[in-house]
Amino acid sequence: MNKKPTFKELLNGDQPILVDFFATWCGPCIAMNPALQEVAKNISGKGKVIKIDVDKNSKMAADMGVMGVPTFMVFKNGKKLYHEAGTKTVVQLTDVVLGNV
């Protein structure tokens, strides 16, 4: 039986992880969903996209320094490589995850 990795295990992995901190009531967050699906396709096999609802995970969001939504972070090998709030394009997020920035 395959055990699903924990959030911490994903962040410490050797593949980049794009974390989308969002809220269900946030219009820009909802508008980002198609772009995030496209990013997930673009980075398939090279990285992952994870969505974290800030209302259900408020302590984690606060601990991670999320001040507004949407906020995007990229982690690899346990290190935060990117942290920025606001909407982004598919190209911007793909480039950030794959290290082209």
PDB file of N, CA and C in Angstrom:
ATOM      1  N   MET A   1       0.835  -1.185   0.000  1.00  0.00           N
ATOM      2  CA  MET A   1       0.000   0.000   0.000  1.00  0.00           C
ATOM      3  C   MET A   1       0.882   1.252   0.000  1.00  0.00           C
ATOM      4  N   ASN A   2       0.628   2.168  -0.938  1.00  0.00           N
ATOM      5  CA  ASN A   2       1.397   3.398  -1.033  1.00  0.00           C
ATOM      6  C   ASN A   2       0.876   4.428  -0.047  1.00  0.00           C
ATOM      7  N   LYS A   3       1.792   4.947   0.768  1.00  0.00           N
ATOM      8  CA  LYS A   3       1.437   5.980   1.737  1.00  0.00           C
ATOM      9  C   LYS A   3       1.548   7.333   1.046  1.00  0.00           C
ATOM     10  N   LYS A   4       0.510   8.152   1.198  1.00  0.00           N
ATOM     11  CA  LYS A   4       0.524   9.493   0.623  1.00  0.00           C
ATOM     12  C   LYS A   4       1.528  10.345   1.405  1.00  0.00           C
ATOM     13  N   PRO A   5       2.435  11.054   0.696  1.00  0.00           N
ATOM     14  CA  PRO A   5       3.422  11.853   1.418  1.00  0.00           C
ATOM     15  C   PRO A   5       2.770  13.010   2.173  1.00  0.00           C
ATOM     16  N   THR A   6       3.349  13.376   3.296  1.00  0.00           N
ATOM     17  CA  THR A   6       2.858  14.515   4.064  1.00  0.00           C
ATOM     18  C   THR A   6       3.284  15.809   3.361  1.00  0.00           C
ATOM     19  N   PHE A   7       2.688  16.913   3.772  1.00  0.00           N
ATOM     20  CA  PHE A   7       3.037  18.219   3.222  1.00  0.00           C
ATOM     21  C   PHE A   7       4.531  18.482   3.420  1.00  0.00           C
ATOM     22  N   LYS A   8       5.020  18.198   4.606  1.00  0.00           N
ATOM     23  CA  LYS A   8       6.441  18.432   4.908  1.00  0.00           C
ATOM     24  C   LYS A   8       7.332  17.549   4.026  1.00  0.00           C
ATOM     25  N   GLU A   9       6.945  16.297   3.826  1.00  0.00           N
ATOM     26  CA  GLU A   9       7.734  15.408   2.964  1.00  0.00           C
ATOM     27  C   GLU A   9       7.776  15.930   1.531  1.00  0.00           C
ATOM     28  N   LEU A  10       6.643  16.460   1.046  1.00  0.00           N
ATOM     29  CA  LEU A  10       6.613  17.032  -0.304  1.00  0.00           C
ATOM     30  C   LEU A  10       7.556  18.231  -0.411  1.00  0.00           C
ATOM     31  N   LEU A  11       7.511  19.114   0.591  1.00  0.00           N
ATOM     32  CA  LEU A  11       8.370  20.297   0.562  1.00  0.00           C
ATOM     33  C   LEU A  11       9.851  19.929   0.615  1.00  0.00           C
ATOM     34  N   ASN A  12      10.170  18.821   1.258  1.00  0.00           N
ATOM     35  CA  ASN A  12      11.562  18.391   1.385  1.00  0.00           C
ATOM     36  C   ASN A  12      12.016  17.526   0.216  1.00  0.00           C
ATOM     37  N   GLY A  13      11.128  17.269  -0.744  1.00  0.00           N
ATOM     38  CA  GLY A  13      11.461  16.418  -1.875  1.00  0.00           C
ATOM     39  C   GLY A  13      12.399  17.104  -2.858  1.00  0.00           C
ATOM     40  N   ASP A  14      12.921  16.303  -3.788  1.00  0.00           N
ATOM     41  CA  ASP A  14      13.869  16.848  -4.756  1.00  0.00           C
ATOM     42  C   ASP A  14      13.193  17.406  -6.010  1.00  0.00           C
ATOM     43  N   GLN A  15      11.852  17.324  -6.066  1.00  0.00           N
ATOM     44  CA  GLN A  15      11.104  17.964  -7.151  1.00  0.00           C
ATOM     45  C   GLN A  15      10.498  19.262  -6.628  1.00  0.00           C
ATOM     46  N   PRO A  16      10.452  20.302  -7.461  1.00  0.00           N
ATOM     47  CA  PRO A  16       9.833  21.542  -7.002  1.00  0.00           C
ATOM     48  C   PRO A  16       8.337  21.370  -6.788  1.00  0.00           C
ATOM     49  N   ILE A  17       7.840  22.028  -5.754  1.00  0.00           N
ATOM     50  CA  ILE A  17       6.427  21.997  -5.401  1.00  0.00           C
ATOM     51  C   ILE A  17       5.896  23.420  -5.426  1.00  0.00           C
ATOM     52  N   LEU A  18       4.905  23.667  -6.266  1.00  0.00           N
ATOM     53  CA  LEU A  18       4.226  24.963  -6.287  1.00  0.00           C
ATOM     54  C   LEU A  18       3.047  24.868  -5.333  1.00  0.00           C
ATOM     55  N   VAL A  19       3.037  25.710  -4.315  1.00  0.00           N
ATOM     56  CA  VAL A  19       1.951  25.722  -3.346  1.00  0.00           C
ATOM     57  C   VAL A  19       1.095  26.951  -3.606  1.00  0.00           C
ATOM     58  N   ASP A  20      -0.193  26.723  -3.833  1.00  0.00           N
ATOM     59  CA  ASP A  20      -1.167  27.790  -4.045  1.00  0.00           C
ATOM     60  C   ASP A  20      -1.983  27.929  -2.768  1.00  0.00           C
ATOM     61  N   PHE A  21      -1.764  29.027  -2.046  1.00  0.00           N
ATOM     62  CA  PHE A  21      -2.581  29.331  -0.874  1.00  0.00           C
ATOM     63  C   PHE A  21      -3.769  30.138  -1.377  1.00  0.00           C
ATOM     64  N   PHE A  22      -4.979  29.595  -1.198  1.00  0.00           N
ATOM     65  CA  PHE A  22      -6.179  30.192  -1.768  1.00  0.00           C
ATOM     66  C   PHE A  22      -7.307  30.207  -0.749  1.00  0.00           C
ATOM     67  N   ALA A  23      -8.402  30.877  -1.128  1.00  0.00           N
ATOM     68  CA  ALA A  23      -9.635  30.851  -0.343  1.00  0.00           C
ATOM     69  C   ALA A  23     -10.792  30.629  -1.310  1.00  0.00           C
ATOM     70  N   THR A  24     -11.787  29.879  -0.859  1.00  0.00           N
ATOM     71  CA  THR A  24     -12.921  29.550  -1.722  1.00  0.00           C
ATOM     72  C   THR A  24     -13.757  30.781  -2.076  1.00  0.00           C
ATOM     73  N   TRP A  25     -13.680  31.829  -1.258  1.00  0.00           N
ATOM     74  CA  TRP A  25     -14.461  33.045  -1.477  1.00  0.00           C
ATOM     75  C   TRP A  25     -13.698  34.074  -2.307  1.00  0.00           C
ATOM     76  N   CYS A  26     -12.476  33.775  -2.691  1.00  0.00           N
ATOM     77  CA  CYS A  26     -11.582  34.723  -3.369  1.00  0.00           C
ATOM     78  C   CYS A  26     -11.740  34.616  -4.891  1.00  0.00           C
ATOM     79  N   GLY A  27     -12.266  35.682  -5.508  1.00  0.00           N
ATOM     80  CA  GLY A  27     -12.460  35.694  -6.956  1.00  0.00           C
ATOM     81  C   GLY A  27     -11.182  35.441  -7.747  1.00  0.00           C
ATOM     82  N   PRO A  28     -10.089  36.163  -7.457  1.00  0.00           N
ATOM     83  CA  PRO A  28      -8.845  35.908  -8.183  1.00  0.00           C
ATOM     84  C   PRO A  28      -8.327  34.474  -7.996  1.00  0.00           C
ATOM     85  N   CYS A  29      -8.555  33.905  -6.814  1.00  0.00           N
ATOM     86  CA  CYS A  29      -8.133  32.514  -6.573  1.00  0.00           C
ATOM     87  C   CYS A  29      -8.890  31.564  -7.484  1.00  0.00           C
ATOM     88  N   ILE A  30     -10.199  31.777  -7.591  1.00  0.00           N
ATOM     89  CA  ILE A  30     -11.033  30.941  -8.449  1.00  0.00           C
ATOM     90  C   ILE A  30     -10.605  31.111  -9.903  1.00  0.00           C
ATOM     91  N   ALA A  31     -10.319  32.350 -10.291  1.00  0.00           N
ATOM     92  CA  ALA A  31      -9.894  32.631 -11.665  1.00  0.00           C
ATOM     93  C   ALA A  31      -8.564  31.956 -12.003  1.00  0.00           C
ATOM     94  N   MET A  32      -7.741  31.673 -10.996  1.00  0.00           N
ATOM     95  CA  MET A  32      -6.426  31.043 -11.216  1.00  0.00           C
ATOM     96  C   MET A  32      -6.527  29.539 -11.469  1.00  0.00           C
ATOM     97  N   ASN A  33      -7.662  28.914 -11.152  1.00  0.00           N
ATOM     98  CA  ASN A  33      -7.768  27.453 -11.262  1.00  0.00           C
ATOM     99  C   ASN A  33      -7.408  26.903 -12.647  1.00  0.00           C
ATOM    100  N   PRO A  34      -7.946  27.453 -13.755  1.00  0.00           N
ATOM    101  CA  PRO A  34      -7.553  26.915 -15.065  1.00  0.00           C
ATOM    102  C   PRO A  34      -6.045  27.063 -15.338  1.00  0.00           C
ATOM    103  N   ALA A  35      -5.476  28.187 -14.921  1.00  0.00           N
ATOM    104  CA  ALA A  35      -4.038  28.401 -15.110  1.00  0.00           C
ATOM    105  C   ALA A  35      -3.243  27.374 -14.315  1.00  0.00           C
ATOM    106  N   LEU A  36      -3.669  27.089 -13.092  1.00  0.00           N
ATOM    107  CA  LEU A  36      -2.954  26.113 -12.262  1.00  0.00           C
ATOM    108  C   LEU A  36      -3.054  24.710 -12.848  1.00  0.00           C
ATOM    109  N   GLN A  37      -4.190  24.382 -13.447  1.00  0.00           N
ATOM    110  CA  GLN A  37      -4.318  23.082 -14.109  1.00  0.00           C
ATOM    111  C   GLN A  37      -3.344  22.996 -15.282  1.00  0.00           C
ATOM    112  N   GLU A  38      -3.194  24.088 -16.019  1.00  0.00           N
ATOM    113  CA  GLU A  38      -2.259  24.130 -17.147  1.00  0.00           C
ATOM    114  C   GLU A  38      -0.811  24.020 -16.653  1.00  0.00           C
ATOM    115  N   VAL A  39      -0.489  24.717 -15.568  1.00  0.00           N
ATOM    116  CA  VAL A  39       0.853  24.626 -14.981  1.00  0.00           C
ATOM    117  C   VAL A  39       1.140  23.185 -14.569  1.00  0.00           C
ATOM    118  N   ALA A  40       0.170  22.538 -13.935  1.00  0.00           N
ATOM    119  CA  ALA A  40       0.346  21.144 -13.502  1.00  0.00           C
ATOM    120  C   ALA A  40       0.678  20.251 -14.698  1.00  0.00           C
ATOM    121  N   LYS A  41       0.010  20.482 -15.828  1.00  0.00           N
ATOM    122  CA  LYS A  41       0.320  19.710 -17.042  1.00  0.00           C
ATOM    123  C   LYS A  41       1.730  20.026 -17.533  1.00  0.00           C
ATOM    124  N   ASN A  42       2.086  21.313 -17.529  1.00  0.00           N
ATOM    125  CA  ASN A  42       3.401  21.740 -18.019  1.00  0.00           C
ATOM    126  C   ASN A  42       4.553  21.152 -17.216  1.00  0.00           C
ATOM    127  N   ILE A  43       4.342  20.958 -15.916  1.00  0.00           N
ATOM    128  CA  ILE A  43       5.434  20.496 -15.055  1.00  0.00           C
ATOM    129  C   ILE A  43       5.308  19.017 -14.698  1.00  0.00           C
ATOM    130  N   SER A  44       4.355  18.331 -15.305  1.00  0.00           N
ATOM    131  CA  SER A  44       4.131  16.914 -15.012  1.00  0.00           C
ATOM    132  C   SER A  44       5.435  16.123 -15.123  1.00  0.00           C
ATOM    133  N   GLY A  45       5.730  15.361 -14.075  1.00  0.00           N
ATOM    134  CA  GLY A  45       6.956  14.570 -14.037  1.00  0.00           C
ATOM    135  C   GLY A  45       8.162  15.351 -13.546  1.00  0.00           C
ATOM    136  N   LYS A  46       8.038  16.684 -13.473  1.00  0.00           N
ATOM    137  CA  LYS A  46       9.156  17.537 -13.045  1.00  0.00           C
ATOM    138  C   LYS A  46       8.841  18.292 -11.763  1.00  0.00           C
ATOM    139  N   GLY A  47       7.568  18.315 -11.366  1.00  0.00           N
ATOM    140  CA  GLY A  47       7.143  19.056 -10.185  1.00  0.00           C
ATOM    141  C   GLY A  47       5.676  18.810  -9.929  1.00  0.00           C
ATOM    142  N   LYS A  48       5.163  19.427  -8.867  1.00  0.00           N
ATOM    143  CA  LYS A  48       3.766  19.237  -8.479  1.00  0.00           C
ATOM    144  C   LYS A  48       3.153  20.579  -8.095  1.00  0.00           C
ATOM    145  N   VAL A  49       1.821  20.628  -8.186  1.00  0.00           N
ATOM    146  CA  VAL A  49       1.046  21.775  -7.719  1.00  0.00           C
ATOM    147  C   VAL A  49       0.182  21.294  -6.555  1.00  0.00           C
ATOM    148  N   ILE A  50       0.219  22.028  -5.460  1.00  0.00           N
ATOM    149  CA  ILE A  50      -0.579  21.714  -4.274  1.00  0.00           C
ATOM    150  C   ILE A  50      -1.400  22.943  -3.923  1.00  0.00           C
ATOM    151  N   LYS A  51      -2.673  22.734  -3.607  1.00  0.00           N
ATOM    152  CA  LYS A  51      -3.543  23.830  -3.203  1.00  0.00           C
ATOM    153  C   LYS A  51      -3.829  23.716  -1.698  1.00  0.00           C
ATOM    154  N   ILE A  52      -3.689  24.841  -0.991  1.00  0.00           N
ATOM    155  CA  ILE A  52      -3.945  24.888   0.446  1.00  0.00           C
ATOM    156  C   ILE A  52      -5.002  25.958   0.712  1.00  0.00           C
ATOM    157  N   ASP A  53      -6.131  25.535   1.260  1.00  0.00           N
ATOM    158  CA  ASP A  53      -7.209  26.453   1.620  1.00  0.00           C
ATOM    159  C   ASP A  53      -6.825  27.161   2.922  1.00  0.00           C
ATOM    160  N   VAL A  54      -6.654  28.488   2.849  1.00  0.00           N
ATOM    161  CA  VAL A  54      -6.190  29.225   4.023  1.00  0.00           C
ATOM    162  C   VAL A  54      -7.219  29.241   5.156  1.00  0.00           C
ATOM    163  N   ASP A  55      -8.494  29.088   4.821  1.00  0.00           N
ATOM    164  CA  ASP A  55      -9.512  29.069   5.877  1.00  0.00           C
ATOM    165  C   ASP A  55      -9.478  27.751   6.649  1.00  0.00           C
ATOM    166  N   LYS A  56      -9.175  26.660   5.974  1.00  0.00           N
ATOM    167  CA  LYS A  56      -9.093  25.353   6.635  1.00  0.00           C
ATOM    168  C   LYS A  56      -7.720  25.117   7.268  1.00  0.00           C
ATOM    169  N   ASN A  57      -6.734  25.891   6.851  1.00  0.00           N
ATOM    170  CA  ASN A  57      -5.352  25.722   7.324  1.00  0.00           C
ATOM    171  C   ASN A  57      -4.768  27.074   7.728  1.00  0.00           C
ATOM    172  N   SER A  58      -5.505  27.814   8.557  1.00  0.00           N
ATOM    173  CA  SER A  58      -5.113  29.186   8.887  1.00  0.00           C
ATOM    174  C   SER A  58      -3.791  29.264   9.648  1.00  0.00           C
ATOM    175  N   LYS A  59      -3.536  28.317  10.543  1.00  0.00           N
ATOM    176  CA  LYS A  59      -2.266  28.343  11.286  1.00  0.00           C
ATOM    177  C   LYS A  59      -1.095  28.113  10.338  1.00  0.00           C
ATOM    178  N   MET A  60      -1.234  27.137   9.451  1.00  0.00           N
ATOM    179  CA  MET A  60      -0.167  26.867   8.493  1.00  0.00           C
ATOM    180  C   MET A  60       0.077  28.090   7.614  1.00  0.00           C
ATOM    181  N   ALA A  61      -1.000  28.701   7.123  1.00  0.00           N
ATOM    182  CA  ALA A  61      -0.859  29.879   6.264  1.00  0.00           C
ATOM    183  C   ALA A  61      -0.142  31.000   7.011  1.00  0.00           C
ATOM    184  N   ALA A  62      -0.519  31.226   8.257  1.00  0.00           N
ATOM    185  CA  ALA A  62       0.137  32.261   9.054  1.00  0.00           C
ATOM    186  C   ALA A  62       1.608  31.926   9.273  1.00  0.00           C
ATOM    187  N   ASP A  63       1.885  30.658   9.615  1.00  0.00           N
ATOM    188  CA  ASP A  63       3.274  30.227   9.842  1.00  0.00           C
ATOM    189  C   ASP A  63       4.130  30.380   8.584  1.00  0.00           C
ATOM    190  N   MET A  64       3.494  30.254   7.407  1.00  0.00           N
ATOM    191  CA  MET A  64       4.219  30.338   6.137  1.00  0.00           C
ATOM    192  C   MET A  64       4.334  31.778   5.637  1.00  0.00           C
ATOM    193  N   GLY A  65       3.721  32.718   6.356  1.00  0.00           N
ATOM    194  CA  GLY A  65       3.828  34.118   5.973  1.00  0.00           C
ATOM    195  C   GLY A  65       2.846  34.564   4.909  1.00  0.00           C
ATOM    196  N   VAL A  66       1.732  33.861   4.789  1.00  0.00           N
ATOM    197  CA  VAL A  66       0.718  34.249   3.814  1.00  0.00           C
ATOM    198  C   VAL A  66      -0.050  35.445   4.366  1.00  0.00           C
ATOM    199  N   MET A  67      -0.020  36.551   3.604  1.00  0.00           N
ATOM    200  CA  MET A  67      -0.676  37.779   4.036  1.00  0.00           C
ATOM    201  C   MET A  67      -1.931  38.072   3.217  1.00  0.00           C
ATOM    202  N   GLY A  68      -2.070  37.429   2.075  1.00  0.00           N
ATOM    203  CA  GLY A  68      -3.216  37.625   1.201  1.00  0.00           C
ATOM    204  C   GLY A  68      -3.323  36.447   0.256  1.00  0.00           C
ATOM    205  N   VAL A  69      -4.438  36.366  -0.451  1.00  0.00           N
ATOM    206  CA  VAL A  69      -4.639  35.272  -1.390  1.00  0.00           C
ATOM    207  C   VAL A  69      -4.983  35.834  -2.761  1.00  0.00           C
ATOM    208  N   PRO A  70      -4.584  35.170  -3.826  1.00  0.00           N
ATOM    209  CA  PRO A  70      -3.743  33.971  -3.805  1.00  0.00           C
ATOM    210  C   PRO A  70      -2.281  34.321  -3.500  1.00  0.00           C
ATOM    211  N   THR A  71      -1.612  33.399  -2.844  1.00  0.00           N
ATOM    212  CA  THR A  71      -0.173  33.491  -2.622  1.00  0.00           C
ATOM    213  C   THR A  71       0.439  32.205  -3.147  1.00  0.00           C
ATOM    214  N   PHE A  72       1.520  32.352  -3.892  1.00  0.00           N
ATOM    215  CA  PHE A  72       2.219  31.208  -4.475  1.00  0.00           C
ATOM    216  C   PHE A  72       3.607  31.092  -3.872  1.00  0.00           C
ATOM    217  N   MET A  73       3.997  29.862  -3.568  1.00  0.00           N
ATOM    218  CA  MET A  73       5.344  29.567  -3.074  1.00  0.00           C
ATOM    219  C   MET A  73       5.861  28.344  -3.810  1.00  0.00           C
ATOM    220  N   VAL A  74       7.158  28.312  -3.998  1.00  0.00           N
ATOM    221  CA  VAL A  74       7.804  27.139  -4.581  1.00  0.00           C
ATOM    222  C   VAL A  74       8.848  26.655  -3.591  1.00  0.00           C
ATOM    223  N   PHE A  75       8.827  25.357  -3.328  1.00  0.00           N
ATOM    224  CA  PHE A  75       9.782  24.711  -2.431  1.00  0.00           C
ATOM    225  C   PHE A  75      10.491  23.590  -3.172  1.00  0.00           C
ATOM    226  N   LYS A  76      11.740  23.378  -2.811  1.00  0.00           N
ATOM    227  CA  LYS A  76      12.503  22.238  -3.314  1.00  0.00           C
ATOM    228  C   LYS A  76      13.578  21.933  -2.281  1.00  0.00           C
ATOM    229  N   ASN A  77      13.723  20.658  -1.958  1.00  0.00           N
ATOM    230  CA  ASN A  77      14.704  20.226  -0.964  1.00  0.00           C
ATOM    231  C   ASN A  77      14.554  20.992   0.357  1.00  0.00           C
ATOM    232  N   GLY A  78      13.303  21.299   0.723  1.00  0.00           N
ATOM    233  CA  GLY A  78      13.031  21.957   1.993  1.00  0.00           C
ATOM    234  C   GLY A  78      13.296  23.448   2.004  1.00  0.00           C
ATOM    235  N   LYS A  79      13.696  24.030   0.883  1.00  0.00           N
ATOM    236  CA  LYS A  79      13.998  25.455   0.821  1.00  0.00           C
ATOM    237  C   LYS A  79      12.922  26.189   0.024  1.00  0.00           C
ATOM    238  N   LYS A  80      12.513  27.351   0.547  1.00  0.00           N
ATOM    239  CA  LYS A  80      11.567  28.182  -0.189  1.00  0.00           C
ATOM    240  C   LYS A  80      12.344  28.946  -1.259  1.00  0.00           C
ATOM    241  N   LEU A  81      11.958  28.742  -2.509  1.00  0.00           N
ATOM    242  CA  LEU A  81      12.646  29.373  -3.631  1.00  0.00           C
ATOM    243  C   LEU A  81      11.871  30.569  -4.181  1.00  0.00           C
ATOM    244  N   TYR A  82      10.592  30.665  -3.828  1.00  0.00           N
ATOM    245  CA  TYR A  82       9.741  31.717  -4.394  1.00  0.00           C
ATOM    246  C   TYR A  82       8.576  31.950  -3.455  1.00  0.00           C
ATOM    247  N   HIS A  83       8.175  33.211  -3.327  1.00  0.00           N
ATOM    248  CA  HIS A  83       7.024  33.567  -2.487  1.00  0.00           C
ATOM    249  C   HIS A  83       6.488  34.889  -3.020  1.00  0.00           C
ATOM    250  N   GLU A  84       5.292  34.839  -3.611  1.00  0.00           N
ATOM    251  CA  GLU A  84       4.699  36.062  -4.148  1.00  0.00           C
ATOM    252  C   GLU A  84       3.183  35.945  -4.142  1.00  0.00           C
ATOM    253  N   ALA A  85       2.529  37.037  -3.798  1.00  0.00           N
ATOM    254  CA  ALA A  85       1.070  37.087  -3.793  1.00  0.00           C
ATOM    255  C   ALA A  85       0.568  37.698  -5.092  1.00  0.00           C
ATOM    256  N   GLY A  86      -0.679  37.397  -5.404  1.00  0.00           N
ATOM    257  CA  GLY A  86      -1.315  37.971  -6.580  1.00  0.00           C
ATOM    258  C   GLY A  86      -1.424  36.972  -7.711  1.00  0.00           C
ATOM    259  N   THR A  87      -2.250  37.318  -8.689  1.00  0.00           N
ATOM    260  CA  THR A  87      -2.444  36.414  -9.821  1.00  0.00           C
ATOM    261  C   THR A  87      -1.198  36.411 -10.706  1.00  0.00           C
ATOM    262  N   LYS A  88      -0.970  35.286 -11.349  1.00  0.00           N
ATOM    263  CA  LYS A  88       0.184  35.088 -12.229  1.00  0.00           C
ATOM    264  C   LYS A  88      -0.298  34.402 -13.501  1.00  0.00           C
ATOM    265  N   THR A  89       0.519  34.460 -14.533  1.00  0.00           N
ATOM    266  CA  THR A  89       0.184  33.760 -15.770  1.00  0.00           C
ATOM    267  C   THR A  89       0.722  32.334 -15.715  1.00  0.00           C
ATOM    268  N   VAL A  90       0.243  31.513 -16.631  1.00  0.00           N
ATOM    269  CA  VAL A  90       0.733  30.137 -16.747  1.00  0.00           C
ATOM    270  C   VAL A  90       2.238  30.145 -16.977  1.00  0.00           C
ATOM    271  N   VAL A  91       2.699  31.008 -17.871  1.00  0.00           N
ATOM    272  CA  VAL A  91       4.131  31.078 -18.194  1.00  0.00           C
ATOM    273  C   VAL A  91       4.941  31.483 -16.967  1.00  0.00           C
ATOM    274  N   GLN A  92       4.472  32.503 -16.230  1.00  0.00           N
ATOM    275  CA  GLN A  92       5.196  32.939 -15.028  1.00  0.00           C
ATOM    276  C   GLN A  92       5.349  31.796 -14.027  1.00  0.00           C
ATOM    277  N   LEU A  93       4.253  31.115 -13.739  1.00  0.00           N
ATOM    278  CA  LEU A  93       4.309  30.042 -12.737  1.00  0.00           C
ATOM    279  C   LEU A  93       5.106  28.851 -13.230  1.00  0.00           C
ATOM    280  N   THR A  94       4.950  28.485 -14.502  1.00  0.00           N
ATOM    281  CA  THR A  94       5.725  27.376 -15.050  1.00  0.00           C
ATOM    282  C   THR A  94       7.210  27.688 -14.967  1.00  0.00           C
ATOM    283  N   ASP A  95       7.589  28.898 -15.367  1.00  0.00           N
ATOM    284  CA  ASP A  95       9.000  29.291 -15.329  1.00  0.00           C
ATOM    285  C   ASP A  95       9.553  29.291 -13.907  1.00  0.00           C
ATOM    286  N   VAL A  96       8.756  29.756 -12.958  1.00  0.00           N
ATOM    287  CA  VAL A  96       9.209  29.766 -11.557  1.00  0.00           C
ATOM    288  C   VAL A  96       9.450  28.339 -11.063  1.00  0.00           C
ATOM    289  N   VAL A  97       8.516  27.443 -11.358  1.00  0.00           N
ATOM    290  CA  VAL A  97       8.635  26.067 -10.877  1.00  0.00           C
ATOM    291  C   VAL A  97       9.832  25.363 -11.517  1.00  0.00           C
ATOM    292  N   LEU A  98      10.020  25.586 -12.790  1.00  0.00           N
ATOM    293  CA  LEU A  98      11.101  24.889 -13.499  1.00  0.00           C
ATOM    294  C   LEU A  98      12.438  25.606 -13.412  1.00  0.00           C
ATOM    295  N   GLY A  99      12.476  26.705 -12.652  1.00  0.00           N
ATOM    296  CA  GLY A  99      13.745  27.385 -12.394  1.00  0.00           C
ATOM    297  C   GLY A  99      14.238  28.264 -13.517  1.00  0.00           C
ATOM    298  N   ASN A 100      13.331  28.763 -14.341  1.00  0.00           N
ATOM    299  CA  ASN A 100      13.740  29.615 -15.457  1.00  0.00           C
ATOM    300  C   ASN A 100      13.640  31.105 -15.150  1.00  0.00           C
ATOM    301  N   VAL A 101      13.546  31.434 -13.856  1.00  0.00           N
ATOM    302  CA  VAL A 101      13.418  32.847 -13.493  1.00  0.00           C
ATOM    303  C   VAL A 101      14.732  33.354 -12.939  1.00  0.00           C
TER     304      VAL A 101
END
